Amino acid sequence: MKIQLRAWDESQNYMAYQGSPDLETLQSFIHHFGDKELMLCSLIKDRNGKDIYADDIVRCGYGAGIVKYDSGVFLVRWIGEDSDAYAELLSFNEWPYFRNEEDMFEVIGNVHENKSLLD
């Protein structure tokens, strides 16, 4: 299984991304950033080919949401009136609701660097 991580360093206001996804790089990344908030990559790409990570803010034809990782599953928690609504994040081929590119997720930011998108 391939693992990709990123970490938010609040003291420096900086998002660090793990390099090549091999064991040595992963161990080094965790050693340097393990005390920071680590975010796992879903290994799913958005409609522009960008990796989707936990804590990303994504949008699609149905609205905007925050990507969360819970119990081995990536979920999108929709932002807005019904903030308790979740959808499971699956690849675009697996989720039957995706009929065209307009319905596909697009990463528009993350909860650490783009807090204004949560309003």
PDB file of N, CA and C in Angstrom:
ATOM      1  N   MET A   1       0.839  -1.192   0.000  1.00  0.00           N
ATOM      2  CA  MET A   1       0.000   0.000   0.000  1.00  0.00           C
ATOM      3  C   MET A   1       0.876   1.245   0.000  1.00  0.00           C
ATOM      4  N   LYS A   2       0.540   2.163  -0.822  1.00  0.00           N
ATOM      5  CA  LYS A   2       1.265   3.424  -0.939  1.00  0.00           C
ATOM      6  C   LYS A   2       0.718   4.395   0.108  1.00  0.00           C
ATOM      7  N   ILE A   3       1.606   5.079   0.822  1.00  0.00           N
ATOM      8  CA  ILE A   3       1.191   6.057   1.831  1.00  0.00           C
ATOM      9  C   ILE A   3       1.837   7.393   1.503  1.00  0.00           C
ATOM     10  N   GLN A   4       1.014   8.438   1.463  1.00  0.00           N
ATOM     11  CA  GLN A   4       1.498   9.802   1.274  1.00  0.00           C
ATOM     12  C   GLN A   4       0.943  10.644   2.404  1.00  0.00           C
ATOM     13  N   LEU A   5       1.796  11.479   2.968  1.00  0.00           N
ATOM     14  CA  LEU A   5       1.393  12.337   4.072  1.00  0.00           C
ATOM     15  C   LEU A   5       1.757  13.788   3.788  1.00  0.00           C
ATOM     16  N   ARG A   6       1.073  14.650   4.490  1.00  0.00           N
ATOM     17  CA  ARG A   6       1.486  16.046   4.581  1.00  0.00           C
ATOM     18  C   ARG A   6       1.274  16.449   6.032  1.00  0.00           C
ATOM     19  N   ALA A   7       1.886  17.552   6.436  1.00  0.00           N
ATOM     20  CA  ALA A   7       1.790  17.994   7.833  1.00  0.00           C
ATOM     21  C   ALA A   7       1.652  19.508   7.874  1.00  0.00           C
ATOM     22  N   TRP A   8       0.802  19.972   8.784  1.00  0.00           N
ATOM     23  CA  TRP A   8       0.626  21.403   8.979  1.00  0.00           C
ATOM     24  C   TRP A   8       1.453  21.841  10.175  1.00  0.00           C
ATOM     25  N   ASP A   9       2.384  22.749   9.942  1.00  0.00           N
ATOM     26  CA  ASP A   9       3.205  23.316  11.000  1.00  0.00           C
ATOM     27  C   ASP A   9       2.633  24.691  11.324  1.00  0.00           C
ATOM     28  N   GLU A  10       1.818  24.735  12.365  1.00  0.00           N
ATOM     29  CA  GLU A  10       1.113  25.979  12.709  1.00  0.00           C
ATOM     30  C   GLU A  10       2.070  27.084  13.132  1.00  0.00           C
ATOM     31  N   SER A  11       3.159  26.725  13.812  1.00  0.00           N
ATOM     32  CA  SER A  11       4.085  27.751  14.289  1.00  0.00           C
ATOM     33  C   SER A  11       4.760  28.498  13.135  1.00  0.00           C
ATOM     34  N   GLN A  12       4.946  27.803  12.015  1.00  0.00           N
ATOM     35  CA  GLN A  12       5.574  28.443  10.851  1.00  0.00           C
ATOM     36  C   GLN A  12       4.560  28.742   9.748  1.00  0.00           C
ATOM     37  N   ASN A  13       3.278  28.385   9.986  1.00  0.00           N
ATOM     38  CA  ASN A  13       2.235  28.603   8.992  1.00  0.00           C
ATOM     39  C   ASN A  13       2.644  27.992   7.649  1.00  0.00           C
ATOM     40  N   TYR A  14       2.983  26.695   7.694  1.00  0.00           N
ATOM     41  CA  TYR A  14       3.603  26.024   6.549  1.00  0.00           C
ATOM     42  C   TYR A  14       3.058  24.607   6.394  1.00  0.00           C
ATOM     43  N   MET A  15       2.726  24.223   5.158  1.00  0.00           N
ATOM     44  CA  MET A  15       2.290  22.863   4.854  1.00  0.00           C
ATOM     45  C   MET A  15       3.473  22.114   4.236  1.00  0.00           C
ATOM     46  N   ALA A  16       3.887  21.047   4.900  1.00  0.00           N
ATOM     47  CA  ALA A  16       5.005  20.230   4.420  1.00  0.00           C
ATOM     48  C   ALA A  16       4.451  18.971   3.770  1.00  0.00           C
ATOM     49  N   TYR A  17       5.000  18.612   2.631  1.00  0.00           N
ATOM     50  CA  TYR A  17       4.583  17.412   1.915  1.00  0.00           C
ATOM     51  C   TYR A  17       5.693  16.387   1.935  1.00  0.00           C
ATOM     52  N   GLN A  18       5.324  15.145   2.145  1.00  0.00           N
ATOM     53  CA  GLN A  18       6.278  14.034   2.119  1.00  0.00           C
ATOM     54  C   GLN A  18       6.816  13.902   0.701  1.00  0.00           C
ATOM     55  N   GLY A  19       8.075  13.552   0.593  1.00  0.00           N
ATOM     56  CA  GLY A  19       8.684  13.335  -0.716  1.00  0.00           C
ATOM     57  C   GLY A  19       8.218  12.021  -1.330  1.00  0.00           C
ATOM     58  N   SER A  20       9.091  11.372  -2.065  1.00  0.00           N
ATOM     59  CA  SER A  20       8.727  10.113  -2.722  1.00  0.00           C
ATOM     60  C   SER A  20       8.198   9.125  -1.684  1.00  0.00           C
ATOM     61  N   PRO A  21       7.108   8.442  -2.011  1.00  0.00           N
ATOM     62  CA  PRO A  21       6.459   7.565  -1.015  1.00  0.00           C
ATOM     63  C   PRO A  21       7.178   6.228  -0.821  1.00  0.00           C
ATOM     64  N   ASP A  22       8.353   6.286  -0.183  1.00  0.00           N
ATOM     65  CA  ASP A  22       9.050   5.045   0.161  1.00  0.00           C
ATOM     66  C   ASP A  22       9.220   5.009   1.682  1.00  0.00           C
ATOM     67  N   LEU A  23       9.605   3.871   2.211  1.00  0.00           N
ATOM     68  CA  LEU A  23       9.671   3.690   3.660  1.00  0.00           C
ATOM     69  C   LEU A  23      10.641   4.656   4.322  1.00  0.00           C
ATOM     70  N   GLU A  24      11.811   4.862   3.720  1.00  0.00           N
ATOM     71  CA  GLU A  24      12.810   5.754   4.315  1.00  0.00           C
ATOM     72  C   GLU A  24      12.291   7.192   4.385  1.00  0.00           C
ATOM     73  N   THR A  25      11.673   7.661   3.311  1.00  0.00           N
ATOM     74  CA  THR A  25      11.135   9.015   3.290  1.00  0.00           C
ATOM     75  C   THR A  25       9.993   9.157   4.280  1.00  0.00           C
ATOM     76  N   LEU A  26       9.132   8.141   4.361  1.00  0.00           N
ATOM     77  CA  LEU A  26       8.009   8.165   5.301  1.00  0.00           C
ATOM     78  C   LEU A  26       8.511   8.244   6.739  1.00  0.00           C
ATOM     79  N   GLN A  27       9.510   7.442   7.083  1.00  0.00           N
ATOM     80  CA  GLN A  27      10.068   7.465   8.442  1.00  0.00           C
ATOM     81  C   GLN A  27      10.691   8.819   8.750  1.00  0.00           C
ATOM     82  N   SER A  28      11.415   9.373   7.810  1.00  0.00           N
ATOM     83  CA  SER A  28      12.046  10.676   8.006  1.00  0.00           C
ATOM     84  C   SER A  28      10.981  11.769   8.178  1.00  0.00           C
ATOM     85  N   PHE A  29       9.942  11.704   7.368  1.00  0.00           N
ATOM     86  CA  PHE A  29       8.868  12.696   7.456  1.00  0.00           C
ATOM     87  C   PHE A  29       8.189  12.647   8.814  1.00  0.00           C
ATOM     88  N   ILE A  30       7.864  11.445   9.277  1.00  0.00           N
ATOM     89  CA  ILE A  30       7.220  11.286  10.579  1.00  0.00           C
ATOM     90  C   ILE A  30       8.153  11.728  11.701  1.00  0.00           C
ATOM     91  N   HIS A  31       9.454  11.455  11.558  1.00  0.00           N
ATOM     92  CA  HIS A  31      10.425  11.893  12.571  1.00  0.00           C
ATOM     93  C   HIS A  31      10.429  13.423  12.686  1.00  0.00           C
ATOM     94  N   HIS A  32      10.413  14.109  11.549  1.00  0.00           N
ATOM     95  CA  HIS A  32      10.496  15.577  11.565  1.00  0.00           C
ATOM     96  C   HIS A  32       9.164  16.264  11.849  1.00  0.00           C
ATOM     97  N   PHE A  33       8.051  15.637  11.451  1.00  0.00           N
ATOM     98  CA  PHE A  33       6.754  16.313  11.550  1.00  0.00           C
ATOM     99  C   PHE A  33       5.734  15.538  12.385  1.00  0.00           C
ATOM    100  N   GLY A  34       6.153  14.487  13.060  1.00  0.00           N
ATOM    101  CA  GLY A  34       5.232  13.650  13.829  1.00  0.00           C
ATOM    102  C   GLY A  34       4.513  14.360  14.953  1.00  0.00           C
ATOM    103  N   ASP A  35       5.074  15.471  15.426  1.00  0.00           N
ATOM    104  CA  ASP A  35       4.389  16.232  16.481  1.00  0.00           C
ATOM    105  C   ASP A  35       3.421  17.264  15.896  1.00  0.00           C
ATOM    106  N   LYS A  36       3.341  17.336  14.567  1.00  0.00           N
ATOM    107  CA  LYS A  36       2.418  18.252  13.886  1.00  0.00           C
ATOM    108  C   LYS A  36       1.165  17.471  13.485  1.00  0.00           C
ATOM    109  N   GLU A  37       0.208  18.164  12.937  1.00  0.00           N
ATOM    110  CA  GLU A  37      -1.001  17.492  12.455  1.00  0.00           C
ATOM    111  C   GLU A  37      -0.694  16.825  11.110  1.00  0.00           C
ATOM    112  N   LEU A  38      -0.711  15.485  11.103  1.00  0.00           N
ATOM    113  CA  LEU A  38      -0.442  14.723   9.884  1.00  0.00           C
ATOM    114  C   LEU A  38      -1.747  14.456   9.147  1.00  0.00           C
ATOM    115  N   MET A  39      -1.702  14.570   7.826  1.00  0.00           N
ATOM    116  CA  MET A  39      -2.875  14.315   6.990  1.00  0.00           C
ATOM    117  C   MET A  39      -2.524  13.282   5.938  1.00  0.00           C
ATOM    118  N   LEU A  40      -3.365  12.287   5.832  1.00  0.00           N
ATOM    119  CA  LEU A  40      -3.162  11.175   4.908  1.00  0.00           C
ATOM    120  C   LEU A  40      -3.774  11.517   3.553  1.00  0.00           C
ATOM    121  N   CYS A  41      -3.075  11.105   2.497  1.00  0.00           N
ATOM    122  CA  CYS A  41      -3.583  11.285   1.139  1.00  0.00           C
ATOM    123  C   CYS A  41      -4.568  10.161   0.827  1.00  0.00           C
ATOM    124  N   SER A  42      -5.672  10.493   0.174  1.00  0.00           N
ATOM    125  CA  SER A  42      -6.684   9.493  -0.182  1.00  0.00           C
ATOM    126  C   SER A  42      -6.254   8.640  -1.370  1.00  0.00           C
ATOM    127  N   LEU A  43      -5.225   9.057  -2.084  1.00  0.00           N
ATOM    128  CA  LEU A  43      -4.765   8.430  -3.328  1.00  0.00           C
ATOM    129  C   LEU A  43      -5.808   8.559  -4.430  1.00  0.00           C
ATOM    130  N   ILE A  44      -6.746   9.497  -4.257  1.00  0.00           N
ATOM    131  CA  ILE A  44      -7.725   9.846  -5.277  1.00  0.00           C
ATOM    132  C   ILE A  44      -7.373  11.248  -5.753  1.00  0.00           C
ATOM    133  N   LYS A  45      -7.462  11.457  -7.041  1.00  0.00           N
ATOM    134  CA  LYS A  45      -7.148  12.770  -7.602  1.00  0.00           C
ATOM    135  C   LYS A  45      -8.445  13.513  -7.921  1.00  0.00           C
ATOM    136  N   ASP A  46      -8.370  14.839  -7.837  1.00  0.00           N
ATOM    137  CA  ASP A  46      -9.542  15.643  -8.185  1.00  0.00           C
ATOM    138  C   ASP A  46      -9.634  15.765  -9.703  1.00  0.00           C
ATOM    139  N   ARG A  47     -10.581  16.537 -10.189  1.00  0.00           N
ATOM    140  CA  ARG A  47     -10.791  16.619 -11.639  1.00  0.00           C
ATOM    141  C   ARG A  47      -9.639  17.291 -12.372  1.00  0.00           C
ATOM    142  N   ASN A  48      -8.748  17.963 -11.623  1.00  0.00           N
ATOM    143  CA  ASN A  48      -7.570  18.598 -12.225  1.00  0.00           C
ATOM    144  C   ASN A  48      -6.306  17.767 -12.037  1.00  0.00           C
ATOM    145  N   GLY A  49      -6.446  16.551 -11.483  1.00  0.00           N
ATOM    146  CA  GLY A  49      -5.296  15.676 -11.288  1.00  0.00           C
ATOM    147  C   GLY A  49      -4.539  15.914  -9.995  1.00  0.00           C
ATOM    148  N   LYS A  50      -5.098  16.733  -9.082  1.00  0.00           N
ATOM    149  CA  LYS A  50      -4.448  17.042  -7.807  1.00  0.00           C
ATOM    150  C   LYS A  50      -4.843  16.004  -6.758  1.00  0.00           C
ATOM    151  N   ASP A  51      -3.869  15.541  -5.965  1.00  0.00           N
ATOM    152  CA  ASP A  51      -4.145  14.587  -4.891  1.00  0.00           C
ATOM    153  C   ASP A  51      -5.094  15.194  -3.871  1.00  0.00           C
ATOM    154  N   ILE A  52      -6.028  14.374  -3.353  1.00  0.00           N
ATOM    155  CA  ILE A  52      -6.964  14.805  -2.327  1.00  0.00           C
ATOM    156  C   ILE A  52      -6.499  14.243  -0.987  1.00  0.00           C
ATOM    157  N   TYR A  53      -6.265  15.136  -0.010  1.00  0.00           N
ATOM    158  CA  TYR A  53      -5.802  14.773   1.324  1.00  0.00           C
ATOM    159  C   TYR A  53      -6.912  15.020   2.345  1.00  0.00           C
ATOM    160  N   ALA A  54      -6.774  14.381   3.495  1.00  0.00           N
ATOM    161  CA  ALA A  54      -7.631  14.720   4.635  1.00  0.00           C
ATOM    162  C   ALA A  54      -7.443  16.207   4.931  1.00  0.00           C
ATOM    163  N   ASP A  55      -8.495  16.876   5.336  1.00  0.00           N
ATOM    164  CA  ASP A  55      -8.539  18.309   5.643  1.00  0.00           C
ATOM    165  C   ASP A  55      -8.548  19.202   4.412  1.00  0.00           C
ATOM    166  N   ASP A  56      -8.634  18.617   3.211  1.00  0.00           N
ATOM    167  CA  ASP A  56      -8.818  19.440   2.023  1.00  0.00           C
ATOM    168  C   ASP A  56     -10.253  19.939   1.983  1.00  0.00           C
ATOM    169  N   ILE A  57     -10.436  21.076   1.360  1.00  0.00           N
ATOM    170  CA  ILE A  57     -11.769  21.587   1.073  1.00  0.00           C
ATOM    171  C   ILE A  57     -12.000  21.327  -0.412  1.00  0.00           C
ATOM    172  N   VAL A  58     -13.066  20.603  -0.713  1.00  0.00           N
ATOM    173  CA  VAL A  58     -13.372  20.245  -2.090  1.00  0.00           C
ATOM    174  C   VAL A  58     -14.752  20.773  -2.456  1.00  0.00           C
ATOM    175  N   ARG A  59     -14.956  20.940  -3.747  1.00  0.00           N
ATOM    176  CA  ARG A  59     -16.296  21.304  -4.194  1.00  0.00           C
ATOM    177  C   ARG A  59     -16.641  20.467  -5.413  1.00  0.00           C
ATOM    178  N   CYS A  60     -17.922  20.305  -5.610  1.00  0.00           N
ATOM    179  CA  CYS A  60     -18.444  19.651  -6.802  1.00  0.00           C
ATOM    180  C   CYS A  60     -19.800  20.278  -7.086  1.00  0.00           C
ATOM    181  N   GLY A  61     -20.540  19.736  -8.018  1.00  0.00           N
ATOM    182  CA  GLY A  61     -21.838  20.289  -8.373  1.00  0.00           C
ATOM    183  C   GLY A  61     -22.821  20.316  -7.221  1.00  0.00           C
ATOM    184  N   TYR A  62     -22.565  19.527  -6.180  1.00  0.00           N
ATOM    185  CA  TYR A  62     -23.479  19.447  -5.036  1.00  0.00           C
ATOM    186  C   TYR A  62     -23.130  20.417  -3.919  1.00  0.00           C
ATOM    187  N   GLY A  63     -21.998  21.089  -3.997  1.00  0.00           N
ATOM    188  CA  GLY A  63     -21.585  22.023  -2.965  1.00  0.00           C
ATOM    189  C   GLY A  63     -20.139  21.802  -2.574  1.00  0.00           C
ATOM    190  N   ALA A  64     -19.764  22.342  -1.402  1.00  0.00           N
ATOM    191  CA  ALA A  64     -18.394  22.239  -0.905  1.00  0.00           C
ATOM    192  C   ALA A  64     -18.372  21.415   0.374  1.00  0.00           C
ATOM    193  N   GLY A  65     -17.248  20.753   0.611  1.00  0.00           N
ATOM    194  CA  GLY A  65     -17.129  19.945   1.808  1.00  0.00           C
ATOM    195  C   GLY A  65     -15.686  19.799   2.242  1.00  0.00           C
ATOM    196  N   ILE A  66     -15.519  19.270   3.445  1.00  0.00           N
ATOM    197  CA  ILE A  66     -14.195  19.033   4.028  1.00  0.00           C
ATOM    198  C   ILE A  66     -13.938  17.536   4.009  1.00  0.00           C
ATOM    199  N   VAL A  67     -12.769  17.142   3.534  1.00  0.00           N
ATOM    200  CA  VAL A  67     -12.397  15.729   3.491  1.00  0.00           C
ATOM    201  C   VAL A  67     -11.905  15.317   4.871  1.00  0.00           C
ATOM    202  N   LYS A  68     -12.457  14.248   5.397  1.00  0.00           N
ATOM    203  CA  LYS A  68     -12.071  13.693   6.693  1.00  0.00           C
ATOM    204  C   LYS A  68     -11.698  12.228   6.520  1.00  0.00           C
ATOM    205  N   TYR A  69     -10.807  11.745   7.375  1.00  0.00           N
ATOM    206  CA  TYR A  69     -10.422  10.333   7.390  1.00  0.00           C
ATOM    207  C   TYR A  69     -10.887   9.766   8.712  1.00  0.00           C
ATOM    208  N   ASP A  70     -11.740   8.727   8.652  1.00  0.00           N
ATOM    209  CA  ASP A  70     -12.310   8.161   9.860  1.00  0.00           C
ATOM    210  C   ASP A  70     -12.469   6.659   9.695  1.00  0.00           C
ATOM    211  N   SER A  71     -11.852   5.899  10.570  1.00  0.00           N
ATOM    212  CA  SER A  71     -11.985   4.440  10.597  1.00  0.00           C
ATOM    213  C   SER A  71     -11.676   3.795   9.249  1.00  0.00           C
ATOM    214  N   GLY A  72     -10.628   4.266   8.598  1.00  0.00           N
ATOM    215  CA  GLY A  72     -10.189   3.673   7.347  1.00  0.00           C
ATOM    216  C   GLY A  72     -10.945   4.136   6.113  1.00  0.00           C
ATOM    217  N   VAL A  73     -11.799   5.158   6.262  1.00  0.00           N
ATOM    218  CA  VAL A  73     -12.602   5.650   5.145  1.00  0.00           C
ATOM    219  C   VAL A  73     -12.438   7.166   5.029  1.00  0.00           C
ATOM    220  N   PHE A  74     -12.309   7.639   3.801  1.00  0.00           N
ATOM    221  CA  PHE A  74     -12.301   9.081   3.554  1.00  0.00           C
ATOM    222  C   PHE A  74     -13.735   9.528   3.314  1.00  0.00           C
ATOM    223  N   LEU A  75     -14.137  10.569   4.023  1.00  0.00           N
ATOM    224  CA  LEU A  75     -15.491  11.104   3.926  1.00  0.00           C
ATOM    225  C   LEU A  75     -15.431  12.573   3.571  1.00  0.00           C
ATOM    226  N   VAL A  76     -16.484  13.073   2.945  1.00  0.00           N
ATOM    227  CA  VAL A  76     -16.631  14.503   2.702  1.00  0.00           C
ATOM    228  C   VAL A  76     -17.783  14.976   3.573  1.00  0.00           C
ATOM    229  N   ARG A  77     -17.499  15.906   4.477  1.00  0.00           N
ATOM    230  CA  ARG A  77     -18.533  16.505   5.316  1.00  0.00           C
ATOM    231  C   ARG A  77     -18.933  17.807   4.647  1.00  0.00           C
ATOM    232  N   TRP A  78     -20.163  17.873   4.198  1.00  0.00           N
ATOM    233  CA  TRP A  78     -20.634  19.038   3.461  1.00  0.00           C
ATOM    234  C   TRP A  78     -20.671  20.269   4.358  1.00  0.00           C
ATOM    235  N   ILE A  79     -20.301  21.397   3.817  1.00  0.00           N
ATOM    236  CA  ILE A  79     -20.309  22.676   4.524  1.00  0.00           C
ATOM    237  C   ILE A  79     -21.654  23.334   4.252  1.00  0.00           C
ATOM    238  N   GLY A  80     -22.250  23.886   5.285  1.00  0.00           N
ATOM    239  CA  GLY A  80     -23.491  24.615   5.070  1.00  0.00           C
ATOM    240  C   GLY A  80     -24.558  24.258   6.063  1.00  0.00           C
ATOM    241  N   GLU A  81     -25.791  24.339   5.595  1.00  0.00           N
ATOM    242  CA  GLU A  81     -26.945  24.154   6.463  1.00  0.00           C
ATOM    243  C   GLU A  81     -26.945  22.812   7.186  1.00  0.00           C
ATOM    244  N   ASP A  82     -26.696  21.750   6.459  1.00  0.00           N
ATOM    245  CA  ASP A  82     -26.733  20.411   7.052  1.00  0.00           C
ATOM    246  C   ASP A  82     -25.305  19.927   7.258  1.00  0.00           C
ATOM    247  N   SER A  83     -24.609  20.489   8.246  1.00  0.00           N
ATOM    248  CA  SER A  83     -23.188  20.189   8.435  1.00  0.00           C
ATOM    249  C   SER A  83     -22.938  18.792   8.969  1.00  0.00           C
ATOM    250  N   ASP A  84     -24.007  18.040   9.289  1.00  0.00           N
ATOM    251  CA  ASP A  84     -23.837  16.654   9.723  1.00  0.00           C
ATOM    252  C   ASP A  84     -23.931  15.679   8.558  1.00  0.00           C
ATOM    253  N   ALA A  85     -24.118  16.175   7.345  1.00  0.00           N
ATOM    254  CA  ALA A  85     -24.235  15.310   6.175  1.00  0.00           C
ATOM    255  C   ALA A  85     -22.853  14.913   5.674  1.00  0.00           C
ATOM    256  N   TYR A  86     -22.659  13.637   5.442  1.00  0.00           N
ATOM    257  CA  TYR A  86     -21.392  13.105   4.955  1.00  0.00           C
ATOM    258  C   TYR A  86     -21.619  12.307   3.679  1.00  0.00           C
ATOM    259  N   ALA A  87     -20.585  12.200   2.878  1.00  0.00           N
ATOM    260  CA  ALA A  87     -20.588  11.315   1.717  1.00  0.00           C
ATOM    261  C   ALA A  87     -19.239  10.617   1.682  1.00  0.00           C
ATOM    262  N   GLU A  88     -19.218   9.367   1.298  1.00  0.00           N
ATOM    263  CA  GLU A  88     -17.955   8.638   1.208  1.00  0.00           C
ATOM    264  C   GLU A  88     -17.223   9.074  -0.046  1.00  0.00           C
ATOM    265  N   LEU A  89     -15.932   9.340   0.092  1.00  0.00           N
ATOM    266  CA  LEU A  89     -15.106   9.763  -1.039  1.00  0.00           C
ATOM    267  C   LEU A  89     -14.608   8.517  -1.749  1.00  0.00           C
ATOM    268  N   LEU A  90     -15.052   8.329  -2.963  1.00  0.00           N
ATOM    269  CA  LEU A  90     -14.627   7.199  -3.780  1.00  0.00           C
ATOM    270  C   LEU A  90     -14.053   7.744  -5.072  1.00  0.00           C
ATOM    271  N   SER A  91     -13.364   6.880  -5.800  1.00  0.00           N
ATOM    272  CA  SER A  91     -12.859   7.343  -7.086  1.00  0.00           C
ATOM    273  C   SER A  91     -14.051   7.688  -7.975  1.00  0.00           C
ATOM    274  N   PHE A  92     -13.831   8.537  -8.940  1.00  0.00           N
ATOM    275  CA  PHE A  92     -14.924   9.043  -9.758  1.00  0.00           C
ATOM    276  C   PHE A  92     -15.628   7.933 -10.534  1.00  0.00           C
ATOM    277  N   ASN A  93     -14.923   6.858 -10.859  1.00  0.00           N
ATOM    278  CA  ASN A  93     -15.536   5.758 -11.595  1.00  0.00           C
ATOM    279  C   ASN A  93     -16.453   4.932 -10.705  1.00  0.00           C
ATOM    280  N   GLU A  94     -16.207   4.937  -9.395  1.00  0.00           N
ATOM    281  CA  GLU A  94     -16.973   4.094  -8.489  1.00  0.00           C
ATOM    282  C   GLU A  94     -18.244   4.754  -7.992  1.00  0.00           C
ATOM    283  N   TRP A  95     -18.261   6.072  -7.884  1.00  0.00           N
ATOM    284  CA  TRP A  95     -19.420   6.744  -7.316  1.00  0.00           C
ATOM    285  C   TRP A  95     -20.427   7.026  -8.427  1.00  0.00           C
ATOM    286  N   PRO A  96     -21.593   6.410  -8.392  1.00  0.00           N
ATOM    287  CA  PRO A  96     -22.528   6.530  -9.513  1.00  0.00           C
ATOM    288  C   PRO A  96     -23.086   7.933  -9.722  1.00  0.00           C
ATOM    289  N   TYR A  97     -22.949   8.829  -8.734  1.00  0.00           N
ATOM    290  CA  TYR A  97     -23.482  10.174  -8.890  1.00  0.00           C
ATOM    291  C   TYR A  97     -22.672  11.018  -9.867  1.00  0.00           C
ATOM    292  N   PHE A  98     -21.433  10.620 -10.109  1.00  0.00           N
ATOM    293  CA  PHE A  98     -20.595  11.407 -11.012  1.00  0.00           C
ATOM    294  C   PHE A  98     -20.939  11.055 -12.451  1.00  0.00           C
ATOM    295  N   ARG A  99     -21.620  11.962 -13.116  1.00  0.00           N
ATOM    296  CA  ARG A  99     -22.018  11.729 -14.498  1.00  0.00           C
ATOM    297  C   ARG A  99     -21.177  12.556 -15.471  1.00  0.00           C
ATOM    298  N   ASN A 100     -20.650  13.667 -14.988  1.00  0.00           N
ATOM    299  CA  ASN A 100     -19.847  14.522 -15.856  1.00  0.00           C
ATOM    300  C   ASN A 100     -18.833  15.272 -15.002  1.00  0.00           C
ATOM    301  N   GLU A 101     -17.954  15.979 -15.658  1.00  0.00           N
ATOM    302  CA  GLU A 101     -16.857  16.654 -14.947  1.00  0.00           C
ATOM    303  C   GLU A 101     -17.364  17.673 -13.935  1.00  0.00           C
ATOM    304  N   GLU A 102     -18.516  18.278 -14.195  1.00  0.00           N
ATOM    305  CA  GLU A 102     -19.061  19.281 -13.270  1.00  0.00           C
ATOM    306  C   GLU A 102     -19.353  18.681 -11.896  1.00  0.00           C
ATOM    307  N   ASP A 103     -19.675  17.383 -11.857  1.00  0.00           N
ATOM    308  CA  ASP A 103     -20.003  16.706 -10.608  1.00  0.00           C
ATOM    309  C   ASP A 103     -18.769  16.194  -9.864  1.00  0.00           C
ATOM    310  N   MET A 104     -17.618  16.218 -10.494  1.00  0.00           N
ATOM    311  CA  MET A 104     -16.415  15.665  -9.880  1.00  0.00           C
ATOM    312  C   MET A 104     -15.825  16.654  -8.881  1.00  0.00           C
ATOM    313  N   PHE A 105     -15.150  16.121  -7.868  1.00  0.00           N
ATOM    314  CA  PHE A 105     -14.531  16.968  -6.854  1.00  0.00           C
ATOM    315  C   PHE A 105     -13.382  17.777  -7.422  1.00  0.00           C
ATOM    316  N   GLU A 106     -13.223  18.988  -6.865  1.00  0.00           N
ATOM    317  CA  GLU A 106     -12.094  19.846  -7.167  1.00  0.00           C
ATOM    318  C   GLU A 106     -11.571  20.377  -5.841  1.00  0.00           C
ATOM    319  N   VAL A 107     -10.270  20.217  -5.584  1.00  0.00           N
ATOM    320  CA  VAL A 107      -9.660  20.754  -4.368  1.00  0.00           C
ATOM    321  C   VAL A 107      -9.573  22.269  -4.532  1.00  0.00           C
ATOM    322  N   ILE A 108     -10.173  22.996  -3.571  1.00  0.00           N
ATOM    323  CA  ILE A 108     -10.140  24.457  -3.639  1.00  0.00           C
ATOM    324  C   ILE A 108      -9.344  25.066  -2.487  1.00  0.00           C
ATOM    325  N   GLY A 109      -8.806  24.209  -1.609  1.00  0.00           N
ATOM    326  CA  GLY A 109      -8.009  24.678  -0.483  1.00  0.00           C
ATOM    327  C   GLY A 109      -7.973  23.626   0.603  1.00  0.00           C
ATOM    328  N   ASN A 110      -7.564  24.048   1.790  1.00  0.00           N
ATOM    329  CA  ASN A 110      -7.576  23.150   2.945  1.00  0.00           C
ATOM    330  C   ASN A 110      -7.922  23.957   4.195  1.00  0.00           C
ATOM    331  N   VAL A 111      -8.298  23.259   5.242  1.00  0.00           N
ATOM    332  CA  VAL A 111      -8.816  23.929   6.442  1.00  0.00           C
ATOM    333  C   VAL A 111      -7.742  24.721   7.195  1.00  0.00           C
ATOM    334  N   HIS A 112      -6.485  24.500   6.899  1.00  0.00           N
ATOM    335  CA  HIS A 112      -5.409  25.187   7.614  1.00  0.00           C
ATOM    336  C   HIS A 112      -4.998  26.490   6.923  1.00  0.00           C
ATOM    337  N   GLU A 113      -4.893  26.456   5.610  1.00  0.00           N
ATOM    338  CA  GLU A 113      -4.426  27.621   4.865  1.00  0.00           C
ATOM    339  C   GLU A 113      -5.560  28.485   4.303  1.00  0.00           C
ATOM    340  N   ASN A 114      -6.768  27.943   4.244  1.00  0.00           N
ATOM    341  CA  ASN A 114      -7.880  28.639   3.600  1.00  0.00           C
ATOM    342  C   ASN A 114      -9.118  28.662   4.473  1.00  0.00           C
ATOM    343  N   LYS A 115      -8.971  29.109   5.702  1.00  0.00           N
ATOM    344  CA  LYS A 115     -10.089  29.128   6.658  1.00  0.00           C
ATOM    345  C   LYS A 115     -11.267  29.958   6.178  1.00  0.00           C
ATOM    346  N   SER A 116     -11.013  30.951   5.342  1.00  0.00           N
ATOM    347  CA  SER A 116     -12.100  31.801   4.846  1.00  0.00           C
ATOM    348  C   SER A 116     -13.088  31.022   3.978  1.00  0.00           C
ATOM    349  N   LEU A 117     -12.667  29.900   3.421  1.00  0.00           N
ATOM    350  CA  LEU A 117     -13.570  29.086   2.597  1.00  0.00           C
ATOM    351  C   LEU A 117     -14.599  28.342   3.425  1.00  0.00           C
ATOM    352  N   LEU A 118     -14.412  28.327   4.743  1.00  0.00           N
ATOM    353  CA  LEU A 118     -15.335  27.593   5.615  1.00  0.00           C
ATOM    354  C   LEU A 118     -16.532  28.453   6.015  1.00  0.00           C
ATOM    355  N   ASP A 119     -16.510  29.739   5.707  1.00  0.00           N
ATOM    356  CA  ASP A 119     -17.602  30.651   6.083  1.00  0.00           C
ATOM    357  C   ASP A 119     -18.791  30.484   5.155  1.00  0.00           C
TER     358      ASP A 119
END
